[in-house]
Amino acid sequence: MTKTTEKKGFLSEPNLALWDRIARAVVASAIALAWYFGYIPADIAVLSLILAGALLVNGIMGRCGLYAMLGFSTCKIKKPKESKK
């Protein structure tokens, strides 16, 4: 197996549980609503909306890049065992 095929599974496997995905979507929605109703000052609005967008994308995809870098996962899906040839 080549290194490119080994990394392909690493990039596509989910590492967020359903509760984690829902929590990220709720926090992203709360940030967006706070901005919309004027609770977030203009000087930090852009950073807040970027954070909300990142959380929403992570929630939809079920994958967090920071979790992947740290080797952390809240998802209970077990990886299939690799066969050695």
N, C-alpha and C. Protein backbone atom coordinates (compact mmCIF):
# COMPACT_ATOMS: atom_id res chain seq x y z
N MET A 1 0.85 -1.17 0.00
CA MET A 1 0.00 0.00 0.00
C MET A 1 0.89 1.24 0.00
N THR A 2 0.60 2.19 -0.84
CA THR A 2 1.42 3.39 -0.92
C THR A 2 1.01 4.39 0.15
N LYS A 3 1.86 5.36 0.36
CA LYS A 3 1.58 6.37 1.38
C LYS A 3 0.37 7.23 1.02
N THR A 4 0.13 7.45 -0.25
CA THR A 4 -1.02 8.28 -0.64
C THR A 4 -2.34 7.61 -0.31
N THR A 5 -2.40 6.28 -0.46
CA THR A 5 -3.65 5.59 -0.13
C THR A 5 -3.83 5.47 1.37
N GLU A 6 -2.73 5.42 2.12
CA GLU A 6 -2.84 5.38 3.58
C GLU A 6 -3.40 6.68 4.11
N LYS A 7 -2.97 7.80 3.57
CA LYS A 7 -3.43 9.10 4.03
C LYS A 7 -4.85 9.40 3.56
N LYS A 8 -5.29 8.76 2.51
CA LYS A 8 -6.62 9.02 1.99
C LYS A 8 -7.69 8.68 3.02
N GLY A 9 -7.56 7.57 3.71
CA GLY A 9 -8.50 7.20 4.76
C GLY A 9 -8.41 8.14 5.95
N PHE A 10 -7.21 8.63 6.24
CA PHE A 10 -7.00 9.54 7.35
C PHE A 10 -7.76 10.85 7.13
N LEU A 11 -7.83 11.29 5.90
CA LEU A 11 -8.49 12.56 5.61
C LEU A 11 -10.00 12.45 5.56
N SER A 12 -10.52 11.26 5.34
CA SER A 12 -11.96 11.14 5.12
C SER A 12 -12.73 10.49 6.27
N GLU A 13 -12.06 9.92 7.24
CA GLU A 13 -12.79 9.24 8.31
C GLU A 13 -13.34 10.27 9.30
N PRO A 14 -14.58 10.08 9.73
CA PRO A 14 -15.19 11.03 10.67
C PRO A 14 -14.58 10.93 12.06
N ASN A 15 -14.50 12.05 12.75
CA ASN A 15 -13.99 12.02 14.12
C ASN A 15 -14.88 12.82 15.08
N LEU A 16 -16.11 13.12 14.66
CA LEU A 16 -17.06 13.83 15.51
C LEU A 16 -18.30 12.98 15.75
N ALA A 17 -18.68 12.84 16.99
CA ALA A 17 -19.91 12.13 17.33
C ALA A 17 -21.11 13.02 17.01
N LEU A 18 -22.30 12.43 17.00
CA LEU A 18 -23.51 13.18 16.68
C LEU A 18 -23.72 14.33 17.66
N TRP A 19 -23.50 14.09 18.96
CA TRP A 19 -23.70 15.16 19.94
C TRP A 19 -22.71 16.30 19.71
N ASP A 20 -21.50 15.99 19.28
CA ASP A 20 -20.47 17.00 19.00
C ASP A 20 -20.85 17.82 17.77
N ARG A 21 -21.38 17.16 16.76
CA ARG A 21 -21.81 17.84 15.54
C ARG A 21 -22.97 18.80 15.82
N ILE A 22 -23.93 18.33 16.64
CA ILE A 22 -25.08 19.17 16.98
C ILE A 22 -24.63 20.37 17.82
N ALA A 23 -23.73 20.14 18.76
CA ALA A 23 -23.24 21.22 19.61
C ALA A 23 -22.54 22.29 18.77
N ARG A 24 -21.76 21.87 17.80
CA ARG A 24 -21.07 22.83 16.93
C ARG A 24 -22.06 23.63 16.09
N ALA A 25 -23.09 22.97 15.60
CA ALA A 25 -24.11 23.68 14.80
C ALA A 25 -24.89 24.67 15.67
N VAL A 26 -25.18 24.30 16.91
CA VAL A 26 -25.91 25.19 17.82
C VAL A 26 -25.05 26.41 18.17
N VAL A 27 -23.77 26.21 18.46
CA VAL A 27 -22.88 27.32 18.78
C VAL A 27 -22.73 28.24 17.57
N ALA A 28 -22.58 27.66 16.38
CA ALA A 28 -22.47 28.47 15.16
C ALA A 28 -23.74 29.29 14.94
N SER A 29 -24.89 28.70 15.17
CA SER A 29 -26.15 29.42 15.02
C SER A 29 -26.27 30.54 16.05
N ALA A 30 -25.85 30.27 17.26
CA ALA A 30 -25.90 31.29 18.32
C ALA A 30 -25.00 32.48 17.98
N ILE A 31 -23.81 32.20 17.45
CA ILE A 31 -22.90 33.28 17.06
C ILE A 31 -23.51 34.10 15.92
N ALA A 32 -24.08 33.42 14.93
CA ALA A 32 -24.69 34.12 13.80
C ALA A 32 -25.88 34.97 14.25
N LEU A 33 -26.70 34.43 15.12
CA LEU A 33 -27.85 35.19 15.61
C LEU A 33 -27.41 36.38 16.47
N ALA A 34 -26.38 36.19 17.29
CA ALA A 34 -25.87 37.30 18.09
C ALA A 34 -25.34 38.42 17.20
N TRP A 35 -24.68 38.05 16.12
CA TRP A 35 -24.21 39.07 15.17
C TRP A 35 -25.39 39.77 14.50
N TYR A 36 -26.35 38.99 14.05
CA TYR A 36 -27.51 39.55 13.34
C TYR A 36 -28.28 40.55 14.21
N PHE A 37 -28.45 40.24 15.48
CA PHE A 37 -29.20 41.13 16.36
C PHE A 37 -28.34 42.21 17.02
N GLY A 38 -27.07 42.28 16.66
CA GLY A 38 -26.21 43.37 17.11
C GLY A 38 -25.54 43.19 18.45
N TYR A 39 -25.49 41.97 18.97
CA TYR A 39 -24.84 41.74 20.25
C TYR A 39 -23.32 41.61 20.14
N ILE A 40 -22.84 41.37 18.94
CA ILE A 40 -21.40 41.26 18.72
C ILE A 40 -20.91 42.56 18.10
N PRO A 41 -19.93 43.22 18.72
CA PRO A 41 -19.42 44.48 18.18
C PRO A 41 -18.79 44.29 16.80
N ALA A 42 -18.79 45.35 16.04
CA ALA A 42 -18.31 45.29 14.66
C ALA A 42 -16.84 44.92 14.56
N ASP A 43 -16.04 45.30 15.55
CA ASP A 43 -14.61 45.03 15.45
C ASP A 43 -14.26 43.54 15.59
N ILE A 44 -15.12 42.74 16.19
CA ILE A 44 -14.84 41.31 16.27
C ILE A 44 -15.86 40.48 15.49
N ALA A 45 -16.73 41.13 14.75
CA ALA A 45 -17.78 40.43 14.01
C ALA A 45 -17.21 39.49 12.94
N VAL A 46 -16.21 39.95 12.22
CA VAL A 46 -15.65 39.13 11.15
C VAL A 46 -15.03 37.85 11.71
N LEU A 47 -14.25 37.98 12.77
CA LEU A 47 -13.63 36.79 13.37
C LEU A 47 -14.69 35.85 13.93
N SER A 48 -15.73 36.42 14.53
CA SER A 48 -16.81 35.59 15.08
C SER A 48 -17.54 34.82 13.98
N LEU A 49 -17.78 35.48 12.86
CA LEU A 49 -18.48 34.81 11.76
C LEU A 49 -17.61 33.76 11.08
N ILE A 50 -16.30 34.00 11.04
CA ILE A 50 -15.39 32.98 10.50
C ILE A 50 -15.40 31.75 11.42
N LEU A 51 -15.37 31.98 12.72
CA LEU A 51 -15.46 30.87 13.68
C LEU A 51 -16.77 30.12 13.53
N ALA A 52 -17.87 30.86 13.39
CA ALA A 52 -19.19 30.23 13.22
C ALA A 52 -19.22 29.39 11.94
N GLY A 53 -18.65 29.91 10.86
CA GLY A 53 -18.60 29.17 9.60
C GLY A 53 -17.78 27.90 9.72
N ALA A 54 -16.64 27.99 10.40
CA ALA A 54 -15.79 26.80 10.58
C ALA A 54 -16.51 25.75 11.42
N LEU A 55 -17.18 26.18 12.49
CA LEU A 55 -17.91 25.24 13.32
C LEU A 55 -19.05 24.58 12.55
N LEU A 56 -19.74 25.36 11.73
CA LEU A 56 -20.85 24.82 10.95
C LEU A 56 -20.35 23.81 9.92
N VAL A 57 -19.26 24.12 9.24
CA VAL A 57 -18.70 23.19 8.25
C VAL A 57 -18.24 21.90 8.94
N ASN A 58 -17.59 22.02 10.09
CA ASN A 58 -17.18 20.83 10.84
C ASN A 58 -18.38 20.00 11.25
N GLY A 59 -19.43 20.66 11.70
CA GLY A 59 -20.64 19.94 12.10
C GLY A 59 -21.29 19.21 10.95
N ILE A 60 -21.31 19.83 9.80
CA ILE A 60 -21.93 19.20 8.62
C ILE A 60 -21.09 18.03 8.13
N MET A 61 -19.76 18.21 8.08
CA MET A 61 -18.89 17.18 7.55
C MET A 61 -18.60 16.05 8.54
N GLY A 62 -18.73 16.34 9.84
CA GLY A 62 -18.44 15.32 10.84
C GLY A 62 -16.96 15.11 11.05
N ARG A 63 -16.16 16.09 10.70
CA ARG A 63 -14.71 15.98 10.75
C ARG A 63 -14.12 17.27 11.27
N CYS A 64 -13.21 17.19 12.22
CA CYS A 64 -12.53 18.35 12.77
C CYS A 64 -11.03 18.19 12.52
N GLY A 65 -10.44 19.16 11.86
CA GLY A 65 -9.02 19.10 11.56
C GLY A 65 -8.15 19.16 12.81
N LEU A 66 -8.55 19.95 13.80
CA LEU A 66 -7.79 20.04 15.03
C LEU A 66 -7.81 18.71 15.78
N TYR A 67 -8.97 18.07 15.82
CA TYR A 67 -9.06 16.73 16.43
C TYR A 67 -8.14 15.76 15.69
N ALA A 68 -8.11 15.84 14.38
CA ALA A 68 -7.29 14.93 13.59
C ALA A 68 -5.80 15.13 13.88
N MET A 69 -5.38 16.39 14.00
CA MET A 69 -3.98 16.67 14.29
C MET A 69 -3.58 16.17 15.67
N LEU A 70 -4.51 16.25 16.62
CA LEU A 70 -4.22 15.81 17.98
C LEU A 70 -4.47 14.33 18.20
N GLY A 71 -5.05 13.65 17.19
CA GLY A 71 -5.35 12.23 17.30
C GLY A 71 -6.53 11.95 18.21
N PHE A 72 -7.44 12.89 18.32
CA PHE A 72 -8.59 12.80 19.20
C PHE A 72 -9.84 12.53 18.38
N SER A 73 -10.78 11.79 18.95
CA SER A 73 -12.03 11.50 18.27
C SER A 73 -13.14 11.29 19.28
N THR A 74 -14.32 11.86 19.00
CA THR A 74 -15.49 11.59 19.83
C THR A 74 -16.41 10.60 19.14
N CYS A 75 -16.07 10.22 17.93
CA CYS A 75 -16.87 9.28 17.14
C CYS A 75 -16.54 7.86 17.56
N LYS A 76 -17.55 7.05 17.72
CA LYS A 76 -17.35 5.67 18.20
C LYS A 76 -17.22 4.65 17.06
N ILE A 77 -17.10 5.11 15.82
CA ILE A 77 -16.93 4.20 14.69
C ILE A 77 -15.52 3.62 14.75
N LYS A 78 -15.45 2.29 14.74
CA LYS A 78 -14.15 1.65 14.80
C LYS A 78 -13.57 1.53 13.41
N LYS A 79 -12.24 1.68 13.35
CA LYS A 79 -11.54 1.54 12.09
C LYS A 79 -11.46 0.06 11.72
N PRO A 80 -11.60 -0.29 10.45
CA PRO A 80 -11.43 -1.69 10.06
C PRO A 80 -9.96 -2.09 10.19
N LYS A 81 -9.74 -3.33 10.58
CA LYS A 81 -8.37 -3.80 10.73
C LYS A 81 -7.73 -3.96 9.37
N GLU A 82 -6.50 -3.49 9.29
CA GLU A 82 -5.77 -3.60 8.03
C GLU A 82 -5.12 -4.98 7.94
N SER A 83 -5.18 -5.55 6.77
CA SER A 83 -4.54 -6.85 6.58
C SER A 83 -3.12 -6.65 6.09
N LYS A 84 -2.21 -7.40 6.66
CA LYS A 84 -0.81 -7.29 6.25
C LYS A 84 -0.53 -8.35 5.20
N LYS A 85 0.06 -7.92 4.12
CA LYS A 85 0.39 -8.83 3.04
C LYS A 85 1.86 -8.86 2.82
